Amino acid sequence: MSIKISANLLGMNGWVQGSSKLPVESLVTAAIEQVGKRVMKHAVDRMRLEAERMRELAIDYAPVDTGRLENAIKIAEDQGGINRRKRFFVYVDEQHVEDGKAVGEYLYFIHEGFSRGKDGSIRASYELGELSQAKDAGRGVVGPKFLERAGEERAKAVSASIYNAVKEVL
């Protein structure tokens, strides 16, 4: 990878032609910063796109009954971590409320593959309901661990996609 920086020099005392006394070092620094800003913008834009793709895949893999669970799959973006780097999180909002009901406990049961019996007992098996079976259409992807599976499936593609977005800038 190489970065190409050029300047039209007057050749006298290190000043750039056509500038109002702008030293060459300032121009080179500005050019490098400009490339850095474009690289960061493209990388962050691609990270955002990949987070959306992961969210869509998690929605595709999530069981459906009322649609509350699918609607609770969201993306959070923050500027944290080491050196305040941009981060994206695909998550299920347990507090998401539709029709007066939060996803909460239901999320845990569904994601972990548990179900509640009619007598209130907890079973360590989960069977897809009619809507989930129709959504799955025999693909075998709708069900427990939908968020984890979406993340694992997209992991390699995310890295390659971000790399390619940065490479396009350079």
Protein backbone atom coordinates (compact mmCIF):
# COMPACT_ATOMS: atom_id res chain seq x y z
CA MET A 1 0.00 0.00 0.00
CA SER A 2 1.37 3.43 -0.86
CA ILE A 3 0.15 6.96 -0.35
CA LYS A 4 0.92 9.43 -3.09
CA ILE A 5 1.52 13.02 -2.00
CA SER A 6 2.59 15.68 -4.45
CA ALA A 7 3.23 19.39 -4.26
CA ASN A 8 3.99 22.01 -6.89
CA LEU A 9 7.08 23.68 -5.47
CA LEU A 10 8.44 27.08 -6.37
CA GLY A 11 11.87 25.91 -5.29
CA MET A 12 12.69 28.91 -3.12
CA ASN A 13 12.99 28.59 0.65
CA GLY A 14 10.57 25.65 0.91
CA TRP A 15 7.38 27.57 0.09
CA VAL A 16 4.58 26.18 -2.08
CA GLN A 17 3.78 27.93 -5.35
CA GLY A 18 0.50 29.83 -5.35
CA SER A 19 0.10 29.77 -1.60
CA SER A 20 0.25 32.64 0.79
CA LYS A 21 3.45 31.57 2.47
CA LEU A 22 2.34 27.97 3.25
CA PRO A 23 5.36 25.83 4.14
CA VAL A 24 5.70 22.49 2.34
CA GLU A 25 5.56 20.62 5.65
CA SER A 26 2.08 22.05 6.34
CA LEU A 27 0.81 20.94 2.94
CA VAL A 28 2.16 17.42 3.39
CA THR A 29 0.65 17.19 6.86
CA ALA A 30 -2.71 18.40 5.57
CA ALA A 31 -2.63 15.88 2.72
CA ILE A 32 -1.91 13.00 5.09
CA GLU A 33 -4.65 14.11 7.46
CA GLN A 34 -7.07 14.36 4.54
CA VAL A 35 -6.37 10.75 3.53
CA GLY A 36 -6.70 9.67 7.16
CA LYS A 37 -10.09 11.35 7.50
CA ARG A 38 -11.35 9.74 4.29
CA VAL A 39 -10.09 6.33 5.41
CA MET A 40 -11.86 6.69 8.76
CA LYS A 41 -15.10 7.91 7.18
CA HIS A 42 -15.18 5.01 4.70
CA ALA A 43 -14.34 2.48 7.43
CA VAL A 44 -17.06 3.80 9.75
CA ASP A 45 -19.62 3.95 6.93
CA ARG A 46 -18.82 0.34 6.06
CA MET A 47 -18.98 -0.71 9.72
CA ARG A 48 -22.46 0.84 9.90
CA LEU A 49 -23.51 -1.01 6.73
CA GLU A 50 -22.16 -4.30 8.08
CA ALA A 51 -23.96 -3.79 11.40
CA GLU A 52 -27.19 -3.33 9.42
CA ARG A 53 -26.49 -6.50 7.43
CA MET A 54 -25.88 -8.41 10.67
CA ARG A 55 -29.10 -7.00 12.13
CA GLU A 56 -31.07 -8.10 9.06
CA LEU A 57 -29.59 -11.60 9.30
CA ALA A 58 -30.45 -11.81 13.01
CA ILE A 59 -34.02 -10.76 12.18
CA ASP A 60 -34.12 -13.43 9.49
CA TYR A 61 -32.96 -16.05 12.03
CA ALA A 62 -35.23 -14.91 14.89
CA PRO A 63 -38.37 -16.88 15.66
CA VAL A 64 -41.57 -14.95 15.05
CA ASP A 65 -44.83 -14.97 16.93
CA THR A 66 -46.00 -11.38 17.28
CA GLY A 67 -43.02 -9.64 15.65
CA ARG A 68 -41.97 -7.92 18.89
CA LEU A 69 -38.71 -9.88 19.03
CA GLU A 70 -37.78 -8.99 15.44
CA ASN A 71 -38.60 -5.33 16.05
CA ALA A 72 -36.44 -5.32 19.19
CA ILE A 73 -33.25 -6.22 17.29
CA LYS A 74 -31.40 -2.92 17.07
CA ILE A 75 -28.05 -1.29 16.40
CA ALA A 76 -26.22 0.89 18.89
CA GLU A 77 -23.35 3.13 17.87
CA ASP A 78 -20.95 4.81 20.25
CA GLN A 79 -17.56 6.41 20.48
CA GLY A 80 -15.89 4.44 23.24
CA GLY A 81 -13.34 1.82 23.93
CA ILE A 82 -9.63 2.41 23.53
CA ASN A 83 -8.88 5.84 22.06
CA ARG A 84 -12.62 6.54 21.76
CA ARG A 85 -12.95 4.44 18.62
CA LYS A 86 -16.28 4.10 16.85
CA ARG A 87 -18.12 0.90 17.79
CA PHE A 88 -21.33 -0.72 16.61
CA PHE A 89 -23.39 -3.25 18.55
CA VAL A 90 -26.22 -5.41 17.23
CA TYR A 91 -28.38 -6.35 20.20
CA VAL A 92 -31.89 -7.20 21.32
CA ASP A 93 -33.45 -4.40 23.35
CA GLU A 94 -35.04 -6.16 26.33
CA GLN A 95 -36.97 -2.99 27.15
CA HIS A 96 -38.56 -2.76 23.68
CA VAL A 97 -42.31 -2.46 24.20
CA GLU A 98 -45.10 -3.20 21.72
CA ASP A 99 -48.75 -3.63 22.60
CA GLY A 100 -47.85 -2.92 26.24
CA LYS A 101 -45.43 -5.84 26.48
CA ALA A 102 -41.63 -5.79 26.74
CA VAL A 103 -39.47 -8.44 25.11
CA GLY A 104 -37.62 -9.07 28.41
CA GLU A 105 -37.86 -12.63 29.71
CA TYR A 106 -39.24 -13.89 26.39
CA LEU A 107 -35.97 -12.89 24.72
CA TYR A 108 -33.91 -14.96 27.13
CA PHE A 109 -36.06 -18.06 26.69
CA ILE A 110 -36.14 -17.84 22.90
CA HIS A 111 -32.47 -17.00 22.39
CA GLU A 112 -31.25 -19.71 24.75
CA GLY A 113 -33.65 -22.35 23.41
CA PHE A 114 -35.89 -22.72 26.45
CA SER A 115 -39.65 -22.74 26.54
CA ARG A 116 -42.27 -22.53 29.23
CA GLY A 117 -44.77 -25.34 29.57
CA LYS A 118 -48.48 -24.71 30.06
CA ASP A 119 -47.97 -25.50 33.73
CA GLY A 120 -45.27 -22.78 33.97
CA SER A 121 -42.36 -25.22 34.02
CA ILE A 122 -39.19 -24.42 32.09
CA ARG A 123 -38.14 -26.86 29.39
CA ALA A 124 -34.70 -27.01 27.78
CA SER A 125 -36.13 -27.49 24.33
CA TYR A 126 -37.72 -25.10 21.93
CA GLU A 127 -40.08 -25.93 19.11
CA LEU A 128 -40.85 -23.44 16.36
CA GLY A 129 -44.43 -22.22 16.22
CA GLU A 130 -46.44 -22.02 13.01
CA LEU A 131 -45.28 -18.52 12.02
CA SER A 132 -41.63 -19.39 12.69
CA GLN A 133 -41.93 -22.59 10.67
CA ALA A 134 -43.45 -20.65 7.77
CA LYS A 135 -40.69 -18.02 8.02
CA ASP A 136 -38.01 -20.71 8.07
CA ALA A 137 -39.52 -22.47 5.02
CA GLY A 138 -37.39 -25.56 5.61
CA ARG A 139 -34.06 -23.66 5.65
CA GLY A 140 -33.23 -24.67 9.21
CA VAL A 141 -32.05 -21.20 10.25
CA VAL A 142 -34.90 -19.79 12.37
CA GLY A 143 -34.53 -20.57 16.05
CA PRO A 144 -32.41 -20.17 19.18
CA LYS A 145 -29.07 -18.34 19.23
CA PHE A 146 -30.25 -16.21 16.30
CA LEU A 147 -28.09 -13.23 17.27
CA GLU A 148 -24.94 -15.27 17.91
CA ARG A 149 -25.34 -17.20 14.68
CA ALA A 150 -25.81 -14.01 12.67
CA GLY A 151 -22.64 -12.56 14.21
CA GLU A 152 -20.61 -15.69 13.58
CA GLU A 153 -21.81 -15.96 10.00
CA ARG A 154 -20.97 -12.34 9.15
CA ALA A 155 -17.63 -12.12 11.02
CA LYS A 156 -15.24 -12.87 8.13
CA ALA A 157 -17.26 -10.89 5.61
CA VAL A 158 -17.27 -7.86 7.93
CA SER A 159 -13.47 -7.76 8.14
CA ALA A 160 -13.07 -8.17 4.38
CA SER A 161 -15.72 -5.54 3.68
CA ILE A 162 -14.10 -2.93 5.93
CA TYR A 163 -10.67 -3.73 4.48
CA ASN A 164 -12.03 -3.23 0.95
CA ALA A 165 -13.72 0.06 1.90
CA VAL A 166 -10.40 1.41 3.20
CA LYS A 167 -8.51 0.07 0.19
CA GLU A 168 -10.90 1.94 -2.16
CA VAL A 169 -9.85 5.25 -0.57
CA LEU A 170 -6.14 4.58 -0.98
